[in-house]
């Protein structure tokens, strides 16, 4: 059981489409948007790993130039 007095509030900004989906799901389920978000956060896997771990198999999988990226514009040059 979750006790409301033990909670800390936060504010997040969501794209309009996601906010609409959450409101609709909350309406259909009879629960609050906050309850849905809490459930989804708690259901997220703890062992997902870092972004590097999740995408390391993609490294080097794209064709392209072998040289490093450069930008010749003067405001980006090192002195």
C-alpha atoms as a PDB file:
ATOM      1  CA  UNK A   1       0.000   0.000   0.000  1.00  0.00           C
ATOM      2  CA  UNK A   2       1.332   3.436  -0.951  1.00  0.00           C
ATOM      3  CA  UNK A   3       0.888   6.182   1.627  1.00  0.00           C
ATOM      4  CA  UNK A   4       0.403   9.605   0.023  1.00  0.00           C
ATOM      5  CA  UNK A   5       2.243  11.423   2.827  1.00  0.00           C
ATOM      6  CA  UNK A   6       5.380   9.410   1.998  1.00  0.00           C
ATOM      7  CA  UNK A   7       5.520  10.704  -1.573  1.00  0.00           C
ATOM      8  CA  UNK A   8       7.510  13.506  -3.133  1.00  0.00           C
ATOM      9  CA  UNK A   9       6.004  15.426  -6.042  1.00  0.00           C
ATOM     10  CA  UNK A  10       7.738  16.108  -9.344  1.00  0.00           C
ATOM     11  CA  UNK A  11       6.765  17.894 -12.534  1.00  0.00           C
ATOM     12  CA  UNK A  12       7.383  16.448 -15.992  1.00  0.00           C
ATOM     13  CA  UNK A  13       6.635  17.765 -19.446  1.00  0.00           C
ATOM     14  CA  UNK A  14       5.200  15.323 -21.991  1.00  0.00           C
ATOM     15  CA  UNK A  15       4.404  15.638 -25.674  1.00  0.00           C
ATOM     16  CA  UNK A  16       0.726  16.461 -26.168  1.00  0.00           C
ATOM     17  CA  UNK A  17       0.013  13.079 -27.798  1.00  0.00           C
ATOM     18  CA  UNK A  18       1.385  11.129 -24.833  1.00  0.00           C
ATOM     19  CA  UNK A  19      -0.499  13.323 -22.357  1.00  0.00           C
ATOM     20  CA  UNK A  20      -3.737  12.643 -24.259  1.00  0.00           C
ATOM     21  CA  UNK A  21      -3.062   8.892 -24.256  1.00  0.00           C
ATOM     22  CA  UNK A  22      -2.421   8.903 -20.515  1.00  0.00           C
ATOM     23  CA  UNK A  23      -5.592  10.897 -19.809  1.00  0.00           C
ATOM     24  CA  UNK A  24      -7.644   8.524 -21.947  1.00  0.00           C
ATOM     25  CA  UNK A  25      -6.144   5.440 -20.279  1.00  0.00           C
ATOM     26  CA  UNK A  26      -6.771   6.976 -16.858  1.00  0.00           C
ATOM     27  CA  UNK A  27     -10.382   7.709 -17.770  1.00  0.00           C
ATOM     28  CA  UNK A  28     -10.947   4.184 -19.069  1.00  0.00           C
ATOM     29  CA  UNK A  29      -9.316   2.519 -16.077  1.00  0.00           C
ATOM     30  CA  UNK A  30     -10.800   4.807 -13.432  1.00  0.00           C
ATOM     31  CA  UNK A  31      -7.356   5.623 -12.057  1.00  0.00           C
ATOM     32  CA  UNK A  32      -5.407   8.882 -12.028  1.00  0.00           C
ATOM     33  CA  UNK A  33      -2.711   9.810 -14.519  1.00  0.00           C
ATOM     34  CA  UNK A  34      -0.250   9.940 -11.608  1.00  0.00           C
ATOM     35  CA  UNK A  35      -1.148   6.361 -10.629  1.00  0.00           C
ATOM     36  CA  UNK A  36      -0.545   5.161 -14.193  1.00  0.00           C
ATOM     37  CA  UNK A  37       2.838   6.889 -14.347  1.00  0.00           C
ATOM     38  CA  UNK A  38       3.857   5.452 -10.948  1.00  0.00           C
ATOM     39  CA  UNK A  39       2.940   1.939 -12.118  1.00  0.00           C
ATOM     40  CA  UNK A  40       4.949   2.303 -15.308  1.00  0.00           C
ATOM     41  CA  UNK A  41       8.005   3.625 -13.501  1.00  0.00           C
ATOM     42  CA  UNK A  42       7.833   0.804 -10.953  1.00  0.00           C
ATOM     43  CA  UNK A  43       7.411  -1.760 -13.742  1.00  0.00           C
ATOM     44  CA  UNK A  44      10.499  -0.534 -15.622  1.00  0.00           C
ATOM     45  CA  UNK A  45      13.299  -3.106 -15.511  1.00  0.00           C
ATOM     46  CA  UNK A  46      16.087  -2.189 -13.078  1.00  0.00           C
ATOM     47  CA  UNK A  47      18.675  -4.103 -15.082  1.00  0.00           C
ATOM     48  CA  UNK A  48      18.151  -2.248 -18.371  1.00  0.00           C
ATOM     49  CA  UNK A  49      21.727  -0.986 -18.228  1.00  0.00           C
ATOM     50  CA  UNK A  50      23.275   2.139 -19.627  1.00  0.00           C
ATOM     51  CA  UNK A  51      22.553   3.594 -23.041  1.00  0.00           C
ATOM     52  CA  UNK A  52      25.962   2.287 -24.127  1.00  0.00           C
ATOM     53  CA  UNK A  53      25.105  -1.246 -23.002  1.00  0.00           C
ATOM     54  CA  UNK A  54      21.752  -1.108 -24.774  1.00  0.00           C
ATOM     55  CA  UNK A  55      23.224   0.152 -28.069  1.00  0.00           C
ATOM     56  CA  UNK A  56      26.761  -1.288 -28.104  1.00  0.00           C
ATOM     57  CA  UNK A  57      25.782  -3.881 -30.712  1.00  0.00           C
ATOM     58  CA  UNK A  58      24.980  -1.026 -33.102  1.00  0.00           C
ATOM     59  CA  UNK A  59      28.450   0.533 -32.957  1.00  0.00           C
ATOM     60  CA  UNK A  60      30.058   0.444 -36.379  1.00  0.00           C
ATOM     61  CA  UNK A  61      26.930  -0.868 -38.066  1.00  0.00           C
ATOM     62  CA  UNK A  62      26.392   2.189 -40.257  1.00  0.00           C
ATOM     63  CA  UNK A  63      28.210   2.792 -43.510  1.00  0.00           C
ATOM     64  CA  UNK A  64      29.923   6.121 -43.924  1.00  0.00           C
ATOM     65  CA  UNK A  65      33.183   7.981 -43.961  1.00  0.00           C
ATOM     66  CA  UNK A  66      36.039   6.493 -41.976  1.00  0.00           C
ATOM     67  CA  UNK A  67      37.283   9.966 -40.997  1.00  0.00           C
ATOM     68  CA  UNK A  68      36.030  11.691 -37.899  1.00  0.00           C
ATOM     69  CA  UNK A  69      33.374  14.342 -38.226  1.00  0.00           C
ATOM     70  CA  UNK A  70      34.679  17.842 -38.751  1.00  0.00           C
ATOM     71  CA  UNK A  71      33.159  21.267 -39.029  1.00  0.00           C
ATOM     72  CA  UNK A  72      35.207  23.809 -40.950  1.00  0.00           C
ATOM     73  CA  UNK A  73      33.280  26.855 -39.819  1.00  0.00           C
ATOM     74  CA  UNK A  74      35.581  29.280 -38.061  1.00  0.00           C
ATOM     75  CA  UNK A  75      33.561  29.565 -34.867  1.00  0.00           C
ATOM     76  CA  UNK A  76      34.108  25.854 -34.235  1.00  0.00           C
ATOM     77  CA  UNK A  77      37.846  25.799 -34.909  1.00  0.00           C
ATOM     78  CA  UNK A  78      40.212  25.182 -32.050  1.00  0.00           C
ATOM     79  CA  UNK A  79      42.926  27.725 -31.393  1.00  0.00           C
END
